[in-house]
């Protein structure tokens, strides 16, 4: 949770996309240095890693750009909603039906997150551009999790990770 206030401070002096790009250029260089063999992969693995990278980049860009116009606590709460959004996002993809117990648990998780993170007047101005961007980022994070769950294998994990980090850096 400490990353939200730290990021908020950083984006006051560095544009969000530049900060994210720097972070993931460093991550990409380190990962390739540690595992150069991870660059050898099938076309399918490359494609999956690229899609994962786009989902992750979209999530981080929305979240970080949203943080420019919202409080760190609100950003943390809205980003944390990916926990609730992930099963909701996976339902149509995996053709799942939810029980009333699962829906109640998701609602309870959302209420719990709000109690833990929001101040009484946190949304006193309503949902503005920053909050909406952050919520959109949570949807992208949920999509990233669902997609990764469908395509990742232990054998391709490092190649997928390196590919998505490189794509993320390039997008930003």
N, C-alpha and C. Protein backbone atom coordinates (compact mmCIF):
# COMPACT_ATOMS: atom_id res chain seq x y z
N UNK A 1 0.79 -1.20 0.00
CA UNK A 1 0.00 0.00 0.00
C UNK A 1 0.84 1.27 0.00
N UNK A 2 2.10 1.16 0.41
CA UNK A 2 2.94 2.35 0.47
C UNK A 2 3.31 2.87 -0.92
N UNK A 3 3.13 2.06 -1.93
CA UNK A 3 3.49 2.51 -3.28
C UNK A 3 2.61 3.65 -3.76
N UNK A 4 1.37 3.73 -3.29
CA UNK A 4 0.48 4.78 -3.78
C UNK A 4 0.96 6.17 -3.38
N UNK A 5 1.28 6.43 -2.10
CA UNK A 5 1.80 7.75 -1.78
C UNK A 5 3.17 8.03 -2.41
N UNK A 6 4.02 7.01 -2.51
CA UNK A 6 5.33 7.19 -3.12
C UNK A 6 5.16 7.55 -4.60
N UNK A 7 4.30 6.81 -5.29
CA UNK A 7 4.04 7.08 -6.70
C UNK A 7 3.44 8.47 -6.88
N UNK A 8 2.52 8.84 -5.99
CA UNK A 8 1.90 10.17 -6.06
C UNK A 8 2.98 11.25 -5.96
N UNK A 9 3.95 11.06 -5.11
CA UNK A 9 5.05 12.03 -4.97
C UNK A 9 5.91 12.05 -6.24
N UNK A 10 6.19 10.88 -6.80
CA UNK A 10 7.03 10.80 -7.99
C UNK A 10 6.37 11.46 -9.20
N UNK A 11 5.07 11.23 -9.38
CA UNK A 11 4.43 11.78 -10.58
C UNK A 11 4.21 13.28 -10.48
N UNK A 12 4.53 13.85 -9.34
CA UNK A 12 4.51 15.32 -9.23
C UNK A 12 5.71 15.92 -9.95
N UNK A 13 6.77 15.11 -10.16
CA UNK A 13 7.98 15.61 -10.82
C UNK A 13 8.33 14.87 -12.11
N UNK A 14 7.76 13.69 -12.30
CA UNK A 14 8.04 12.88 -13.49
C UNK A 14 6.69 12.51 -14.12
N UNK A 15 6.50 12.70 -15.42
CA UNK A 15 5.25 12.28 -16.04
C UNK A 15 5.00 10.78 -15.81
N UNK A 16 3.74 10.38 -15.60
CA UNK A 16 3.44 8.98 -15.29
C UNK A 16 4.03 7.97 -16.28
N UNK A 17 3.87 8.21 -17.58
CA UNK A 17 4.37 7.24 -18.56
C UNK A 17 5.90 7.13 -18.50
N UNK A 18 6.59 8.25 -18.27
CA UNK A 18 8.05 8.21 -18.17
C UNK A 18 8.50 7.42 -16.95
N UNK A 19 7.80 7.60 -15.84
CA UNK A 19 8.15 6.88 -14.63
C UNK A 19 7.97 5.37 -14.83
N UNK A 20 6.84 5.00 -15.42
CA UNK A 20 6.57 3.57 -15.65
C UNK A 20 7.57 3.00 -16.64
N UNK A 21 7.86 3.74 -17.73
CA UNK A 21 8.81 3.26 -18.73
C UNK A 21 10.19 3.02 -18.10
N UNK A 22 10.65 3.96 -17.30
CA UNK A 22 11.95 3.81 -16.64
C UNK A 22 11.98 2.57 -15.77
N UNK A 23 10.92 2.41 -15.00
CA UNK A 23 10.83 1.26 -14.09
C UNK A 23 10.91 -0.07 -14.86
N UNK A 24 10.22 -0.15 -16.00
CA UNK A 24 10.16 -1.41 -16.71
C UNK A 24 11.29 -1.60 -17.72
N UNK A 25 11.97 -0.54 -18.12
CA UNK A 25 13.21 -0.70 -18.89
C UNK A 25 14.24 -1.37 -17.98
N UNK A 26 14.35 -0.88 -16.75
CA UNK A 26 15.29 -1.47 -15.78
C UNK A 26 14.91 -2.94 -15.53
N UNK A 27 13.63 -3.20 -15.31
CA UNK A 27 13.18 -4.59 -15.07
C UNK A 27 13.50 -5.48 -16.26
N UNK A 28 13.28 -4.98 -17.47
CA UNK A 28 13.54 -5.77 -18.68
C UNK A 28 15.02 -6.10 -18.81
N UNK A 29 15.87 -5.11 -18.60
CA UNK A 29 17.32 -5.31 -18.72
C UNK A 29 17.79 -6.35 -17.69
N UNK A 30 17.31 -6.22 -16.46
CA UNK A 30 17.70 -7.16 -15.41
C UNK A 30 17.22 -8.57 -15.75
N UNK A 31 15.97 -8.70 -16.17
CA UNK A 31 15.44 -10.03 -16.49
C UNK A 31 16.18 -10.68 -17.65
N UNK A 32 16.48 -9.92 -18.70
CA UNK A 32 17.22 -10.48 -19.83
C UNK A 32 18.63 -10.85 -19.40
N UNK A 33 19.26 -10.04 -18.56
CA UNK A 33 20.60 -10.36 -18.07
C UNK A 33 20.60 -11.64 -17.23
N UNK A 34 19.57 -11.81 -16.43
CA UNK A 34 19.47 -12.99 -15.57
C UNK A 34 19.10 -14.23 -16.37
N UNK A 35 18.27 -14.05 -17.40
CA UNK A 35 17.78 -15.20 -18.16
C UNK A 35 17.74 -14.89 -19.65
N UNK A 36 18.92 -14.83 -20.29
CA UNK A 36 18.94 -14.53 -21.73
C UNK A 36 18.20 -15.57 -22.57
N UNK A 37 18.14 -16.80 -22.09
CA UNK A 37 17.45 -17.86 -22.83
C UNK A 37 15.95 -17.60 -22.92
N UNK A 38 15.44 -16.75 -22.04
CA UNK A 38 13.99 -16.47 -22.05
C UNK A 38 13.57 -15.73 -23.31
N UNK A 39 14.53 -15.19 -24.08
CA UNK A 39 14.18 -14.51 -25.33
C UNK A 39 13.90 -15.49 -26.46
N UNK A 40 14.26 -16.75 -26.25
CA UNK A 40 13.95 -17.79 -27.24
C UNK A 40 12.60 -18.39 -26.87
N UNK A 41 11.60 -18.15 -27.73
CA UNK A 41 10.24 -18.61 -27.42
C UNK A 41 9.46 -18.85 -28.70
N UNK A 42 8.37 -19.54 -28.56
CA UNK A 42 7.49 -19.79 -29.70
C UNK A 42 6.73 -18.51 -30.05
N UNK A 43 6.16 -18.50 -31.26
CA UNK A 43 5.34 -17.35 -31.67
C UNK A 43 4.13 -17.20 -30.75
N UNK A 44 3.56 -18.31 -30.32
CA UNK A 44 2.40 -18.25 -29.43
C UNK A 44 2.77 -17.61 -28.10
N UNK A 45 3.91 -18.00 -27.55
CA UNK A 45 4.36 -17.41 -26.29
C UNK A 45 4.62 -15.92 -26.46
N UNK A 46 5.24 -15.55 -27.57
CA UNK A 46 5.49 -14.14 -27.85
C UNK A 46 4.17 -13.37 -27.92
N UNK A 47 3.20 -13.92 -28.64
CA UNK A 47 1.89 -13.26 -28.77
C UNK A 47 1.23 -13.12 -27.40
N UNK A 48 1.23 -14.19 -26.63
CA UNK A 48 0.60 -14.15 -25.30
C UNK A 48 1.31 -13.14 -24.39
N UNK A 49 2.63 -13.11 -24.43
CA UNK A 49 3.38 -12.15 -23.63
C UNK A 49 3.08 -10.71 -24.04
N UNK A 50 2.89 -10.50 -25.34
CA UNK A 50 2.56 -9.16 -25.82
C UNK A 50 1.17 -8.73 -25.35
N UNK A 51 0.21 -9.63 -25.43
CA UNK A 51 -1.14 -9.31 -24.95
C UNK A 51 -1.10 -9.02 -23.45
N UNK A 52 -0.38 -9.85 -22.71
CA UNK A 52 -0.24 -9.62 -21.26
C UNK A 52 0.40 -8.26 -21.00
N UNK A 53 1.42 -7.92 -21.78
CA UNK A 53 2.09 -6.64 -21.62
C UNK A 53 1.16 -5.46 -21.89
N UNK A 54 0.30 -5.59 -22.91
CA UNK A 54 -0.65 -4.51 -23.21
C UNK A 54 -1.68 -4.35 -22.09
N UNK A 55 -2.20 -5.47 -21.59
CA UNK A 55 -3.13 -5.39 -20.46
C UNK A 55 -2.49 -4.70 -19.26
N UNK A 56 -1.27 -5.15 -18.94
CA UNK A 56 -0.57 -4.61 -17.78
C UNK A 56 -0.23 -3.13 -17.97
N UNK A 57 0.23 -2.78 -19.18
CA UNK A 57 0.55 -1.38 -19.47
C UNK A 57 -0.69 -0.51 -19.36
N UNK A 58 -1.80 -0.96 -19.93
CA UNK A 58 -3.04 -0.19 -19.85
C UNK A 58 -3.47 0.00 -18.40
N UNK A 59 -3.35 -1.06 -17.60
CA UNK A 59 -3.71 -0.97 -16.19
C UNK A 59 -2.84 0.02 -15.44
N UNK A 60 -1.52 -0.08 -15.63
CA UNK A 60 -0.60 0.82 -14.93
C UNK A 60 -0.74 2.26 -15.39
N UNK A 61 -0.90 2.45 -16.69
CA UNK A 61 -1.06 3.82 -17.20
C UNK A 61 -2.34 4.46 -16.66
N UNK A 62 -3.45 3.72 -16.71
CA UNK A 62 -4.71 4.26 -16.18
C UNK A 62 -4.58 4.54 -14.68
N UNK A 63 -4.04 3.59 -13.95
CA UNK A 63 -3.89 3.76 -12.51
C UNK A 63 -3.01 4.97 -12.18
N UNK A 64 -1.86 5.07 -12.82
CA UNK A 64 -0.90 6.12 -12.48
C UNK A 64 -1.39 7.48 -12.97
N UNK A 65 -1.99 7.54 -14.16
CA UNK A 65 -2.54 8.82 -14.64
C UNK A 65 -3.74 9.23 -13.79
N UNK A 66 -4.49 8.27 -13.31
CA UNK A 66 -5.61 8.58 -12.42
C UNK A 66 -5.14 9.12 -11.09
N UNK A 67 -3.99 8.66 -10.65
CA UNK A 67 -3.43 9.10 -9.36
C UNK A 67 -3.06 10.58 -9.38
N UNK A 68 -2.85 11.14 -10.57
CA UNK A 68 -2.56 12.57 -10.69
C UNK A 68 -3.72 13.38 -10.10
N UNK A 69 -4.96 12.92 -10.32
CA UNK A 69 -6.15 13.69 -9.96
C UNK A 69 -6.96 13.10 -8.80
N UNK A 70 -6.39 12.17 -8.07
CA UNK A 70 -7.13 11.60 -6.94
C UNK A 70 -6.18 11.34 -5.78
N UNK A 71 -6.73 11.11 -4.63
CA UNK A 71 -5.91 10.81 -3.44
C UNK A 71 -5.33 9.40 -3.52
N UNK A 72 -4.20 9.23 -2.87
CA UNK A 72 -3.55 7.92 -2.86
C UNK A 72 -4.45 6.86 -2.24
N UNK A 73 -5.18 7.20 -1.17
CA UNK A 73 -6.06 6.22 -0.52
C UNK A 73 -7.20 5.80 -1.44
N UNK A 74 -7.75 6.74 -2.18
CA UNK A 74 -8.83 6.43 -3.12
C UNK A 74 -8.29 5.56 -4.25
N UNK A 75 -7.10 5.90 -4.75
CA UNK A 75 -6.48 5.11 -5.80
C UNK A 75 -6.24 3.67 -5.33
N UNK A 76 -5.76 3.54 -4.11
CA UNK A 76 -5.54 2.20 -3.54
C UNK A 76 -6.82 1.41 -3.45
N UNK A 77 -7.90 2.07 -3.01
CA UNK A 77 -9.19 1.40 -2.91
C UNK A 77 -9.68 0.97 -4.28
N UNK A 78 -9.69 1.89 -5.23
CA UNK A 78 -10.23 1.58 -6.56
C UNK A 78 -9.38 0.52 -7.27
N UNK A 79 -8.07 0.59 -7.11
CA UNK A 79 -7.21 -0.44 -7.69
C UNK A 79 -7.48 -1.79 -7.04
N UNK A 80 -7.69 -1.79 -5.73
CA UNK A 80 -7.97 -3.04 -5.01
C UNK A 80 -9.24 -3.72 -5.45
N UNK A 81 -10.10 -3.00 -6.13
CA UNK A 81 -11.33 -3.61 -6.63
C UNK A 81 -11.07 -4.67 -7.70
N UNK A 82 -9.82 -4.75 -8.21
CA UNK A 82 -9.51 -5.82 -9.16
C UNK A 82 -9.77 -7.19 -8.53
N UNK A 83 -9.67 -7.25 -7.20
CA UNK A 83 -9.94 -8.51 -6.49
C UNK A 83 -11.39 -8.95 -6.73
N UNK A 84 -12.28 -8.00 -6.74
CA UNK A 84 -13.70 -8.28 -6.99
C UNK A 84 -13.95 -8.40 -8.50
N UNK A 85 -13.28 -7.59 -9.29
CA UNK A 85 -13.51 -7.56 -10.73
C UNK A 85 -12.97 -8.79 -11.45
N UNK A 86 -11.92 -9.41 -10.92
CA UNK A 86 -11.33 -10.56 -11.60
C UNK A 86 -12.32 -11.71 -11.77
N UNK A 87 -13.01 -12.16 -10.71
CA UNK A 87 -13.98 -13.23 -10.96
C UNK A 87 -15.15 -12.76 -11.82
N UNK A 88 -15.54 -11.50 -11.69
CA UNK A 88 -16.63 -10.99 -12.53
C UNK A 88 -16.22 -10.94 -13.99
N UNK A 89 -14.96 -10.60 -14.24
CA UNK A 89 -14.44 -10.55 -15.60
C UNK A 89 -14.26 -11.95 -16.17
N UNK A 90 -13.87 -12.89 -15.33
CA UNK A 90 -13.64 -14.25 -15.82
C UNK A 90 -14.93 -15.00 -16.11
N UNK A 91 -16.01 -14.61 -15.50
CA UNK A 91 -17.28 -15.34 -15.67
C UNK A 91 -17.69 -15.47 -17.14
N UNK A 92 -17.74 -14.38 -17.90
CA UNK A 92 -18.14 -14.56 -19.30
C UNK A 92 -17.09 -15.30 -20.13
N UNK A 93 -15.81 -15.11 -19.80
CA UNK A 93 -14.74 -15.77 -20.55
C UNK A 93 -14.79 -17.27 -20.31
N UNK A 94 -14.97 -17.66 -19.06
CA UNK A 94 -14.95 -19.08 -18.69
C UNK A 94 -16.35 -19.69 -18.64
N UNK A 95 -17.35 -18.89 -18.97
CA UNK A 95 -18.76 -19.32 -18.94
C UNK A 95 -19.14 -19.87 -17.55
N UNK A 96 -18.86 -19.05 -16.55
CA UNK A 96 -19.17 -19.43 -15.17
C UNK A 96 -20.45 -18.75 -14.70
N UNK A 97 -21.12 -19.39 -13.78
CA UNK A 97 -22.27 -18.78 -13.11
C UNK A 97 -21.91 -18.64 -11.64
N UNK A 98 -22.33 -17.53 -11.06
CA UNK A 98 -22.03 -17.27 -9.66
C UNK A 98 -23.18 -17.70 -8.77
N UNK A 99 -22.82 -18.21 -7.61
CA UNK A 99 -23.82 -18.51 -6.60
C UNK A 99 -24.08 -17.23 -5.80
N UNK A 100 -25.16 -17.19 -5.07
CA UNK A 100 -25.46 -16.04 -4.23
C UNK A 100 -24.36 -15.85 -3.19
N UNK A 101 -23.79 -16.93 -2.74
CA UNK A 101 -22.70 -16.85 -1.76
C UNK A 101 -21.48 -16.14 -2.35
N UNK A 102 -21.14 -16.44 -3.60
CA UNK A 102 -20.00 -15.79 -4.25
C UNK A 102 -20.27 -14.30 -4.49
N UNK A 103 -21.47 -13.98 -4.91
CA UNK A 103 -21.83 -12.57 -5.12
C UNK A 103 -21.78 -11.82 -3.80
N UNK A 104 -22.28 -12.43 -2.74
CA UNK A 104 -22.23 -11.81 -1.42
C UNK A 104 -20.79 -11.61 -0.96
N UNK A 105 -19.94 -12.59 -1.22
CA UNK A 105 -18.54 -12.48 -0.83
C UNK A 105 -17.85 -11.34 -1.59
N UNK A 106 -18.15 -11.21 -2.88
CA UNK A 106 -17.57 -10.11 -3.66
C UNK A 106 -18.04 -8.77 -3.12
N UNK A 107 -19.31 -8.66 -2.81
CA UNK A 107 -19.84 -7.42 -2.24
C UNK A 107 -19.20 -7.11 -0.89
N UNK A 108 -19.04 -8.13 -0.08
CA UNK A 108 -18.41 -7.95 1.23
C UNK A 108 -16.95 -7.52 1.08
N UNK A 109 -16.25 -8.09 0.11
CA UNK A 109 -14.87 -7.69 -0.15
C UNK A 109 -14.79 -6.22 -0.55
N UNK A 110 -15.71 -5.78 -1.40
CA UNK A 110 -15.73 -4.37 -1.83
C UNK A 110 -16.01 -3.46 -0.64
N UNK A 111 -16.95 -3.84 0.21
CA UNK A 111 -17.26 -3.04 1.41
C UNK A 111 -16.04 -3.02 2.33
N UNK A 112 -15.41 -4.17 2.53
CA UNK A 112 -14.23 -4.24 3.39
C UNK A 112 -13.09 -3.37 2.88
N UNK A 113 -12.85 -3.42 1.57
CA UNK A 113 -11.81 -2.57 0.99
C UNK A 113 -12.12 -1.10 1.22
N UNK A 114 -13.38 -0.73 1.06
CA UNK A 114 -13.73 0.68 1.23
C UNK A 114 -13.54 1.12 2.69
N UNK A 115 -13.90 0.26 3.63
CA UNK A 115 -13.73 0.60 5.05
C UNK A 115 -12.25 0.74 5.39
N UNK A 116 -11.42 -0.12 4.82
CA UNK A 116 -9.99 -0.09 5.12
C UNK A 116 -9.26 1.09 4.49
N UNK A 117 -9.76 1.59 3.38
CA UNK A 117 -8.95 2.55 2.63
C UNK A 117 -9.54 3.93 2.45
N UNK A 118 -10.83 4.07 2.51
CA UNK A 118 -11.41 5.38 2.23
C UNK A 118 -11.64 6.18 3.50
N UNK A 119 -11.31 7.45 3.42
CA UNK A 119 -11.64 8.37 4.51
C UNK A 119 -13.10 8.77 4.31
N UNK A 120 -13.77 9.25 5.36
CA UNK A 120 -15.19 9.61 5.24
C UNK A 120 -15.49 10.57 4.09
N UNK A 121 -14.59 11.49 3.79
CA UNK A 121 -14.86 12.45 2.74
C UNK A 121 -14.02 12.20 1.48
N UNK A 122 -13.53 10.98 1.31
CA UNK A 122 -12.61 10.70 0.21
C UNK A 122 -13.22 10.99 -1.16
N UNK A 123 -14.47 10.70 -1.32
CA UNK A 123 -15.12 10.93 -2.61
C UNK A 123 -16.07 12.10 -2.53
N UNK A 124 -15.72 13.11 -1.72
CA UNK A 124 -16.62 14.23 -1.54
C UNK A 124 -16.89 14.99 -2.83
N UNK A 125 -15.99 14.90 -3.77
CA UNK A 125 -16.20 15.54 -5.06
C UNK A 125 -16.83 14.61 -6.08
N UNK A 126 -17.18 13.42 -5.68
CA UNK A 126 -17.75 12.44 -6.61
C UNK A 126 -16.67 11.72 -7.39
N UNK A 127 -17.10 10.96 -8.37
CA UNK A 127 -16.16 10.24 -9.22
C UNK A 127 -15.73 11.15 -10.35
N UNK A 128 -14.49 11.60 -10.29
CA UNK A 128 -13.94 12.46 -11.32
C UNK A 128 -13.10 11.66 -12.30
N UNK A 129 -12.37 12.36 -13.14
CA UNK A 129 -11.54 11.73 -14.15
C UNK A 129 -10.50 10.79 -13.52
N UNK A 130 -9.86 11.22 -12.44
CA UNK A 130 -8.84 10.39 -11.79
C UNK A 130 -9.41 9.09 -11.27
N UNK A 131 -10.58 9.16 -10.65
CA UNK A 131 -11.20 7.95 -10.10
C UNK A 131 -11.64 7.01 -11.22
N UNK A 132 -12.20 7.58 -12.28
CA UNK A 132 -12.65 6.75 -13.40
C UNK A 132 -11.49 6.08 -14.12
N UNK A 133 -10.39 6.81 -14.30
CA UNK A 133 -9.20 6.21 -14.91
C UNK A 133 -8.67 5.07 -14.04
N UNK A 134 -8.64 5.29 -12.73
CA UNK A 134 -8.14 4.26 -11.82
C UNK A 134 -9.03 3.03 -11.84
N UNK A 135 -10.33 3.24 -11.87
CA UNK A 135 -11.26 2.11 -11.95
C UNK A 135 -11.08 1.35 -13.27
N UNK A 136 -10.87 2.08 -14.36
CA UNK A 136 -10.59 1.43 -15.64
C UNK A 136 -9.31 0.60 -15.54
N UNK A 137 -8.31 1.14 -14.84
CA UNK A 137 -7.07 0.39 -14.62
C UNK A 137 -7.32 -0.91 -13.89
N UNK A 138 -8.22 -0.89 -12.90
CA UNK A 138 -8.56 -2.12 -12.16
C UNK A 138 -9.17 -3.16 -13.10
N UNK A 139 -9.99 -2.70 -14.06
CA UNK A 139 -10.55 -3.64 -15.05
C UNK A 139 -9.43 -4.24 -15.90
N UNK A 140 -8.46 -3.42 -16.31
CA UNK A 140 -7.34 -3.96 -17.09
C UNK A 140 -6.52 -4.95 -16.27
N UNK A 141 -6.31 -4.67 -14.99
CA UNK A 141 -5.59 -5.62 -14.13
C UNK A 141 -6.36 -6.94 -14.02
N UNK A 142 -7.68 -6.86 -13.88
CA UNK A 142 -8.50 -8.06 -13.83
C UNK A 142 -8.38 -8.84 -15.14
N UNK A 143 -8.42 -8.12 -16.27
CA UNK A 143 -8.25 -8.77 -17.57
C UNK A 143 -6.89 -9.43 -17.70
N UNK A 144 -5.86 -8.78 -17.17
CA UNK A 144 -4.51 -9.34 -17.20
C UNK A 144 -4.47 -10.66 -16.43
N UNK A 145 -5.09 -10.67 -15.28
CA UNK A 145 -5.10 -11.88 -14.45
C UNK A 145 -5.85 -13.01 -15.15
N UNK A 146 -7.01 -12.70 -15.70
CA UNK A 146 -7.81 -13.73 -16.39
C UNK A 146 -7.05 -14.26 -17.60
N UNK A 147 -6.49 -13.37 -18.41
CA UNK A 147 -5.76 -13.80 -19.61
C UNK A 147 -4.54 -14.64 -19.22
N UNK A 148 -3.80 -14.17 -18.23
CA UNK A 148 -2.61 -14.90 -17.79
C UNK A 148 -2.98 -16.29 -17.30
N UNK A 149 -4.08 -16.38 -16.57
CA UNK A 149 -4.54 -17.68 -16.09
C UNK A 149 -4.89 -18.65 -17.21
N UNK A 150 -5.28 -18.11 -18.35
CA UNK A 150 -5.65 -18.94 -19.48
C UNK A 150 -4.46 -19.40 -20.32
N UNK A 151 -3.38 -18.59 -20.38
CA UNK A 151 -2.30 -18.88 -21.32
C UNK A 151 -0.96 -19.25 -20.69
N UNK A 152 -0.75 -18.91 -19.45
CA UNK A 152 0.57 -19.13 -18.84
C UNK A 152 0.81 -20.59 -18.51
N UNK A 153 2.02 -21.01 -18.75
CA UNK A 153 2.47 -22.35 -18.36
C UNK A 153 3.78 -22.19 -17.60
N UNK A 154 4.11 -23.13 -16.73
CA UNK A 154 5.39 -23.03 -16.01
C UNK A 154 6.59 -22.95 -16.94
N UNK A 155 6.55 -23.67 -18.05
CA UNK A 155 7.68 -23.70 -18.99
C UNK A 155 7.90 -22.33 -19.66
N UNK A 156 6.82 -21.60 -19.88
CA UNK A 156 6.93 -20.32 -20.60
C UNK A 156 6.92 -19.11 -19.67
N UNK A 157 6.92 -19.33 -18.36
CA UNK A 157 6.73 -18.23 -17.43
C UNK A 157 7.77 -17.12 -17.57
N UNK A 158 9.04 -17.46 -17.69
CA UNK A 158 10.07 -16.43 -17.79
C UNK A 158 9.98 -15.70 -19.13
N UNK A 159 9.73 -16.41 -20.20
CA UNK A 159 9.58 -15.77 -21.51
C UNK A 159 8.38 -14.84 -21.52
N UNK A 160 7.29 -15.26 -20.93
CA UNK A 160 6.10 -14.41 -20.84
C UNK A 160 6.39 -13.15 -20.01
N UNK A 161 7.10 -13.34 -18.91
CA UNK A 161 7.43 -12.22 -18.03
C UNK A 161 8.32 -11.21 -18.75
N UNK A 162 9.38 -11.70 -19.39
CA UNK A 162 10.30 -10.81 -20.11
C UNK A 162 9.56 -10.08 -21.22
N UNK A 163 8.75 -10.80 -21.97
CA UNK A 163 8.02 -10.18 -23.08
C UNK A 163 7.09 -9.10 -22.58
N UNK A 164 6.33 -9.39 -21.53
CA UNK A 164 5.40 -8.37 -21.06
C UNK A 164 6.12 -7.16 -20.48
N UNK A 165 7.27 -7.35 -19.86
CA UNK A 165 8.03 -6.21 -19.33
C UNK A 165 8.54 -5.33 -20.46
N UNK A 166 9.05 -5.96 -21.53
CA UNK A 166 9.55 -5.21 -22.68
C UNK A 166 8.41 -4.45 -23.36
N UNK A 167 7.28 -5.11 -23.54
CA UNK A 167 6.11 -4.45 -24.15
C UNK A 167 5.65 -3.29 -23.28
N UNK A 168 5.58 -3.52 -21.99
CA UNK A 168 5.15 -2.47 -21.06
C UNK A 168 6.08 -1.26 -21.17
N UNK A 169 7.37 -1.49 -21.18
CA UNK A 169 8.33 -0.38 -21.31
C UNK A 169 8.15 0.34 -22.64
N UNK A 170 7.97 -0.41 -23.71
CA UNK A 170 7.81 0.18 -25.04
C UNK A 170 6.53 1.00 -25.15
N UNK A 171 5.44 0.49 -24.61
CA UNK A 171 4.16 1.20 -24.66
C UNK A 171 4.27 2.52 -23.91
N UNK A 172 4.92 2.48 -22.76
CA UNK A 172 5.03 3.71 -21.95
C UNK A 172 6.05 4.67 -22.51
